[in-house]
Amino acid sequence: MITFIIRCALAAASLFGTVALFYNGYWGWGICMILVTAVIGFSFFRNENMILALNQMRQGNTDKAKHFINKITHPQFLMKRQHAYVIFLQAVLNTQDFGFSKSEQMLRKAIGIGLRTGQDNAVARMHLAGICAQTGRKKEALSLLAEAKKLDTSGMMKDQIQQMQGQLKVAPSKNQMRMAQMSGGRRKTPRR
């Protein structure tokens, strides 16, 4: 919130300075200040921490990406699409810290707000399917994987989706997992 207020103050001061420079006849400095004002204005539409987090994810450094994405404390003040991406990245990067239920809620919220590309929607649904598979909801996981397969138009995630579908076919259902927990696990029969 404080950074948003500072950004608003900088934008107002930059705009006032640009107008003052043009009014006083300093055209060269006025043009330079237009560029500065444009950069500050661009920061309203793109959060710098999210840009840094996405860059770190592209480089494969998830620890730094988690550090940058967790710096965004109030994503509701961002634009709608950025809000969805911040929630999506926080859910994906902090699954072990948050637990399955909170990560699932965050992923569903990000999908509900709306991710921009079909590829991002496919990744979100695949992560959601993984959470459903871990909690024993096999049918829901298979339906989410089918949706992810439809959204993956480029075929980049084809192998991962097929691998998860293969794992789900041999995975026990929620009822079987519950029965195994109640009976103390699978017991071996003694040899005769």
Protein backbone atom coordinates (compact mmCIF):
# COMPACT_ATOMS: atom_id res chain seq x y z
CA MET A 1 0.00 0.00 0.00
CA ILE A 2 2.83 2.38 0.87
CA THR A 3 4.57 1.66 -2.44
CA PHE A 4 1.33 2.43 -4.28
CA ILE A 5 1.08 5.81 -2.52
CA ILE A 6 4.74 6.55 -3.27
CA ARG A 7 4.20 5.57 -6.91
CA CYS A 8 1.18 7.92 -7.13
CA ALA A 9 3.16 10.78 -5.60
CA LEU A 10 6.08 10.20 -8.00
CA ALA A 11 3.73 10.10 -10.98
CA ALA A 12 2.06 13.36 -9.94
CA ALA A 13 5.42 15.06 -9.30
CA SER A 14 6.83 13.82 -12.60
CA LEU A 15 3.80 15.00 -14.53
CA PHE A 16 3.91 18.41 -12.81
CA GLY A 17 7.66 18.68 -13.52
CA THR A 18 7.15 17.82 -17.19
CA VAL A 19 4.46 20.47 -17.62
CA ALA A 20 6.61 23.05 -15.78
CA LEU A 21 9.62 22.33 -17.99
CA PHE A 22 7.60 22.73 -21.16
CA TYR A 23 5.95 25.89 -19.80
CA ASN A 24 9.33 27.49 -19.00
CA GLY A 25 10.72 26.62 -22.44
CA TYR A 26 13.08 23.77 -21.52
CA TRP A 27 11.98 21.51 -24.37
CA GLY A 28 14.92 19.07 -24.19
CA TRP A 29 14.48 18.41 -20.49
CA GLY A 30 10.71 18.27 -20.99
CA ILE A 31 11.10 15.45 -23.54
CA CYS A 32 13.39 13.57 -21.15
CA MET A 33 10.82 13.98 -18.38
CA ILE A 34 8.11 12.56 -20.68
CA LEU A 35 10.16 9.35 -20.82
CA VAL A 36 10.53 9.32 -17.02
CA THR A 37 6.79 9.91 -16.62
CA ALA A 38 6.07 7.08 -19.08
CA VAL A 39 8.25 4.66 -17.07
CA ILE A 40 6.49 5.63 -13.84
CA GLY A 41 3.11 5.28 -15.57
CA PHE A 42 4.12 1.85 -16.87
CA SER A 43 4.81 0.77 -13.28
CA PHE A 44 1.08 1.10 -12.55
CA PHE A 45 0.37 -1.66 -15.07
CA ARG A 46 3.31 -3.96 -14.32
CA ASN A 47 4.52 -4.72 -10.80
CA GLU A 48 8.31 -4.79 -10.60
CA ASN A 49 8.38 -7.68 -8.10
CA MET A 50 6.25 -9.81 -10.40
CA ILE A 51 8.51 -9.06 -13.36
CA LEU A 52 11.56 -10.03 -11.28
CA ALA A 53 9.84 -13.22 -10.04
CA LEU A 54 8.90 -14.29 -13.58
CA ASN A 55 12.45 -13.61 -14.74
CA GLN A 56 13.87 -15.75 -11.93
CA MET A 57 11.42 -18.55 -12.77
CA ARG A 58 12.55 -18.48 -16.41
CA GLN A 59 16.13 -18.85 -15.19
CA GLY A 60 15.10 -21.76 -12.96
CA ASN A 61 15.84 -20.06 -9.64
CA THR A 62 12.68 -20.77 -7.67
CA ASP A 63 14.04 -19.55 -4.32
CA LYS A 64 14.62 -16.03 -5.62
CA ALA A 65 11.29 -16.15 -7.48
CA LYS A 66 9.55 -17.07 -4.21
CA HIS A 67 11.36 -14.21 -2.46
CA PHE A 68 10.19 -11.64 -5.04
CA ILE A 69 6.60 -12.91 -5.30
CA ASN A 70 6.20 -12.97 -1.51
CA LYS A 71 7.20 -9.28 -1.39
CA ILE A 72 3.80 -8.47 -2.93
CA THR A 73 1.65 -8.22 0.18
CA HIS A 74 -1.52 -6.64 -1.25
CA PRO A 75 -2.19 -8.10 -4.71
CA GLN A 76 -5.78 -6.85 -4.63
CA PHE A 77 -4.49 -3.34 -5.44
CA LEU A 78 -2.99 -4.58 -8.71
CA MET A 79 -4.81 -4.80 -12.01
CA LYS A 80 -7.15 -7.79 -12.39
CA ARG A 81 -4.84 -9.95 -14.55
CA GLN A 82 -1.80 -9.21 -12.41
CA HIS A 83 -3.82 -10.04 -9.31
CA ALA A 84 -4.57 -13.46 -10.84
CA TYR A 85 -0.92 -14.08 -11.73
CA VAL A 86 0.35 -13.08 -8.29
CA ILE A 87 -2.10 -15.46 -6.61
CA PHE A 88 -1.19 -18.20 -9.12
CA LEU A 89 2.56 -17.79 -8.56
CA GLN A 90 2.18 -17.62 -4.77
CA ALA A 91 0.13 -20.83 -4.80
CA VAL A 92 2.58 -22.68 -7.04
CA LEU A 93 5.77 -21.54 -5.30
CA ASN A 94 4.47 -21.86 -1.72
CA THR A 95 2.55 -25.15 -1.93
CA GLN A 96 4.68 -26.82 0.74
CA ASP A 97 4.51 -23.79 3.04
CA PHE A 98 0.77 -23.16 2.66
CA GLY A 99 -0.45 -26.75 2.50
CA PHE A 100 -2.77 -28.35 -0.03
CA SER A 101 -6.03 -26.71 1.02
CA LYS A 102 -4.80 -23.11 0.90
CA SER A 103 -2.90 -23.71 -2.36
CA GLU A 104 -6.01 -25.25 -3.90
CA GLN A 105 -8.11 -22.25 -2.85
CA MET A 106 -5.57 -19.84 -4.29
CA LEU A 107 -5.33 -21.73 -7.60
CA ARG A 108 -9.12 -21.81 -7.94
CA LYS A 109 -9.26 -18.09 -7.18
CA ALA A 110 -6.59 -17.34 -9.82
CA ILE A 111 -8.48 -19.40 -12.42
CA GLY A 112 -11.69 -17.62 -11.43
CA ILE A 113 -10.16 -14.16 -11.79
CA GLY A 114 -8.73 -15.17 -15.14
CA LEU A 115 -5.25 -15.99 -16.35
CA ARG A 116 -4.31 -14.47 -19.68
CA THR A 117 -3.08 -17.38 -21.80
CA GLY A 118 -4.37 -20.89 -22.30
CA GLN A 119 -0.93 -22.24 -21.40
CA ASP A 120 -1.08 -20.59 -17.97
CA ASN A 121 -4.60 -21.93 -17.44
CA ALA A 122 -3.33 -25.41 -18.36
CA VAL A 123 -0.46 -25.15 -15.87
CA ALA A 124 -2.85 -23.99 -13.14
CA ARG A 125 -5.24 -26.87 -13.82
CA MET A 126 -2.36 -29.35 -13.87
CA HIS A 127 -1.15 -28.13 -10.46
CA LEU A 128 -4.72 -28.30 -9.20
CA ALA A 129 -4.98 -31.86 -10.53
CA GLY A 130 -1.78 -32.74 -8.66
CA ILE A 131 -3.26 -31.40 -5.42
CA CYS A 132 -6.50 -33.33 -6.03
CA ALA A 133 -4.49 -36.50 -6.68
CA GLN A 134 -2.53 -36.02 -3.44
CA THR A 135 -5.74 -35.63 -1.45
CA GLY A 136 -7.34 -38.69 -3.05
CA ARG A 137 -9.86 -37.06 -5.43
CA LYS A 138 -9.05 -39.13 -8.48
CA LYS A 139 -12.09 -38.27 -10.65
CA GLU A 140 -11.67 -34.55 -10.15
CA ALA A 141 -7.96 -34.82 -10.94
CA LEU A 142 -8.68 -36.68 -14.18
CA SER A 143 -11.25 -34.10 -15.26
CA LEU A 144 -8.81 -31.26 -14.51
CA LEU A 145 -6.13 -33.01 -16.53
CA ALA A 146 -8.56 -33.37 -19.45
CA GLU A 147 -9.25 -29.61 -19.27
CA ALA A 148 -5.51 -28.91 -19.13
CA LYS A 149 -4.99 -31.11 -22.20
CA LYS A 150 -7.61 -29.08 -24.12
CA LEU A 151 -6.03 -25.76 -23.06
CA ASP A 152 -2.50 -26.87 -23.97
CA THR A 153 -2.70 -25.94 -27.65
CA SER A 154 1.07 -25.84 -28.19
CA GLY A 155 1.59 -29.34 -26.76
CA MET A 156 4.36 -28.25 -24.37
CA MET A 157 2.83 -30.10 -21.43
CA LYS A 158 1.69 -33.18 -23.31
CA ASP A 159 4.26 -35.49 -21.67
CA GLN A 160 3.58 -34.24 -18.13
CA ILE A 161 -0.18 -34.58 -18.58
CA GLN A 162 0.17 -38.14 -19.93
CA GLN A 163 2.52 -39.04 -17.10
CA MET A 164 0.08 -37.74 -14.48
CA GLN A 165 -2.83 -39.55 -16.14
CA GLY A 166 -0.81 -42.78 -16.06
CA GLN A 167 -0.03 -42.30 -12.39
CA LEU A 168 -3.67 -41.62 -11.59
CA LYS A 169 -4.80 -44.81 -13.30
CA VAL A 170 -2.78 -46.92 -10.86
CA ALA A 171 -3.32 -44.65 -7.84
CA PRO A 172 -5.76 -45.87 -5.22
CA SER A 173 -9.04 -44.04 -4.78
CA LYS A 174 -9.86 -42.00 -1.69
CA ASN A 175 -11.91 -44.86 -0.25
CA GLN A 176 -9.05 -47.33 -0.75
CA MET A 177 -6.63 -44.92 0.93
CA ARG A 178 -9.01 -44.53 3.88
CA MET A 179 -9.42 -48.29 4.22
CA ALA A 180 -5.63 -48.78 4.18
CA GLN A 181 -5.21 -46.15 6.90
CA MET A 182 -7.92 -47.71 9.06
CA SER A 183 -6.45 -51.19 8.81
CA GLY A 184 -2.94 -49.99 9.55
CA GLY A 185 -1.66 -50.35 6.01
CA ARG A 186 -1.34 -53.35 3.82
CA ARG A 187 -0.40 -56.47 5.72
CA LYS A 188 1.64 -59.21 4.18
CA THR A 189 0.32 -62.69 4.45
CA PRO A 190 2.73 -65.15 6.07
CA ARG A 191 4.36 -67.80 3.88
CA ARG A 192 3.28 -71.38 4.36
